[in-house]
Amino acid sequence: MDRRRANLPNPLDQLHEAEHRHRSLDSRLIELGRRAYPTPSEQREMAELKKRKLQAKDEIARLRSMGS
């Protein structure tokens, strides 16, 4: 087997990782969203988590389209 190919991540593994990351980010956002008055640092964290969650969603869509 070609060494370069052996080092490439499996697209299915990448998909599962992206889905796991998306769920983890969503769980943290839900946790933070339960706070009536999030602190400024929590608000910044929520904004960053939303960006990362969207990136994971885009990655999931890209990986799913590759498999079709």
C-alpha atoms as a PDB file:
ATOM      1  CA  MET A   1       0.000   0.000   0.000  1.00  0.00           C
ATOM      2  CA  ASP A   2       1.185   3.498  -0.815  1.00  0.00           C
ATOM      3  CA  ARG A   3       2.489   5.210   2.357  1.00  0.00           C
ATOM      4  CA  ARG A   4       0.865   8.522   1.409  1.00  0.00           C
ATOM      5  CA  ARG A   5      -2.539   6.883   1.085  1.00  0.00           C
ATOM      6  CA  ALA A   6      -2.118   5.032   4.400  1.00  0.00           C
ATOM      7  CA  ASN A   7      -1.693   8.365   6.212  1.00  0.00           C
ATOM      8  CA  LEU A   8      -4.854   9.913   4.778  1.00  0.00           C
ATOM      9  CA  PRO A   9      -7.843   9.912   7.125  1.00  0.00           C
ATOM     10  CA  ASN A  10     -10.785   7.785   6.084  1.00  0.00           C
ATOM     11  CA  PRO A  11     -13.680  10.020   4.912  1.00  0.00           C
ATOM     12  CA  LEU A  12     -16.135   8.014   7.006  1.00  0.00           C
ATOM     13  CA  ASP A  13     -13.958   8.540  10.087  1.00  0.00           C
ATOM     14  CA  GLN A  14     -13.786  12.246   9.270  1.00  0.00           C
ATOM     15  CA  LEU A  15     -17.575  12.349   8.986  1.00  0.00           C
ATOM     16  CA  HIS A  16     -18.044  10.647  12.352  1.00  0.00           C
ATOM     17  CA  GLU A  17     -15.545  13.010  13.964  1.00  0.00           C
ATOM     18  CA  ALA A  18     -17.293  16.069  12.513  1.00  0.00           C
ATOM     19  CA  GLU A  19     -20.684  14.780  13.677  1.00  0.00           C
ATOM     20  CA  HIS A  20     -19.300  14.147  17.165  1.00  0.00           C
ATOM     21  CA  ARG A  21     -17.749  17.620  17.259  1.00  0.00           C
ATOM     22  CA  HIS A  22     -21.056  19.169  16.128  1.00  0.00           C
ATOM     23  CA  ARG A  23     -22.996  17.332  18.875  1.00  0.00           C
ATOM     24  CA  SER A  24     -20.453  18.332  21.532  1.00  0.00           C
ATOM     25  CA  LEU A  25     -20.595  21.985  20.521  1.00  0.00           C
ATOM     26  CA  ASP A  26     -24.389  21.866  20.498  1.00  0.00           C
ATOM     27  CA  SER A  27     -24.445  20.362  24.006  1.00  0.00           C
ATOM     28  CA  ARG A  28     -22.223  23.143  25.333  1.00  0.00           C
ATOM     29  CA  LEU A  29     -24.372  25.789  23.619  1.00  0.00           C
ATOM     30  CA  ILE A  30     -27.495  24.323  25.195  1.00  0.00           C
ATOM     31  CA  GLU A  31     -25.793  24.359  28.590  1.00  0.00           C
ATOM     32  CA  LEU A  32     -24.777  27.996  28.209  1.00  0.00           C
ATOM     33  CA  GLY A  33     -28.188  28.910  26.808  1.00  0.00           C
ATOM     34  CA  ARG A  34     -29.856  27.840  30.037  1.00  0.00           C
ATOM     35  CA  ARG A  35     -28.251  30.743  31.856  1.00  0.00           C
ATOM     36  CA  ALA A  36     -30.617  33.683  32.304  1.00  0.00           C
ATOM     37  CA  TYR A  37     -27.761  36.201  32.245  1.00  0.00           C
ATOM     38  CA  PRO A  38     -24.594  34.891  30.604  1.00  0.00           C
ATOM     39  CA  THR A  39     -21.438  36.753  31.474  1.00  0.00           C
ATOM     40  CA  PRO A  40     -19.535  38.608  28.743  1.00  0.00           C
ATOM     41  CA  SER A  41     -17.010  35.749  28.558  1.00  0.00           C
ATOM     42  CA  GLU A  42     -19.862  33.229  28.236  1.00  0.00           C
ATOM     43  CA  GLN A  43     -21.377  35.358  25.472  1.00  0.00           C
ATOM     44  CA  ARG A  44     -18.042  35.366  23.633  1.00  0.00           C
ATOM     45  CA  GLU A  45     -17.758  31.606  24.129  1.00  0.00           C
ATOM     46  CA  MET A  46     -21.265  31.140  22.724  1.00  0.00           C
ATOM     47  CA  ALA A  47     -20.396  33.193  19.632  1.00  0.00           C
ATOM     48  CA  GLU A  48     -17.233  31.146  19.066  1.00  0.00           C
ATOM     49  CA  LEU A  49     -19.091  27.866  19.610  1.00  0.00           C
ATOM     50  CA  LYS A  50     -21.729  28.893  17.064  1.00  0.00           C
ATOM     51  CA  LYS A  51     -19.018  29.606  14.476  1.00  0.00           C
ATOM     52  CA  ARG A  52     -17.309  26.279  15.144  1.00  0.00           C
ATOM     53  CA  LYS A  53     -20.641  24.444  15.037  1.00  0.00           C
ATOM     54  CA  LEU A  54     -21.406  25.977  11.636  1.00  0.00           C
ATOM     55  CA  GLN A  55     -17.948  24.972  10.379  1.00  0.00           C
ATOM     56  CA  ALA A  56     -18.599  21.399  11.549  1.00  0.00           C
ATOM     57  CA  LYS A  57     -21.998  21.431   9.817  1.00  0.00           C
ATOM     58  CA  ASP A  58     -20.358  22.597   6.570  1.00  0.00           C
ATOM     59  CA  GLU A  59     -17.730  19.867   6.900  1.00  0.00           C
ATOM     60  CA  ILE A  60     -20.452  17.257   7.470  1.00  0.00           C
ATOM     61  CA  ALA A  61     -22.314  18.416   4.339  1.00  0.00           C
ATOM     62  CA  ARG A  62     -19.093  18.348   2.302  1.00  0.00           C
ATOM     63  CA  LEU A  63     -18.177  14.854   3.481  1.00  0.00           C
ATOM     64  CA  ARG A  64     -21.679  13.532   2.859  1.00  0.00           C
ATOM     65  CA  SER A  65     -21.682  14.958  -0.676  1.00  0.00           C
ATOM     66  CA  MET A  66     -18.347  13.216  -1.372  1.00  0.00           C
ATOM     67  CA  GLY A  67     -19.892   9.885  -0.416  1.00  0.00           C
ATOM     68  CA  SER A  68     -22.820  10.290  -2.793  1.00  0.00           C
END
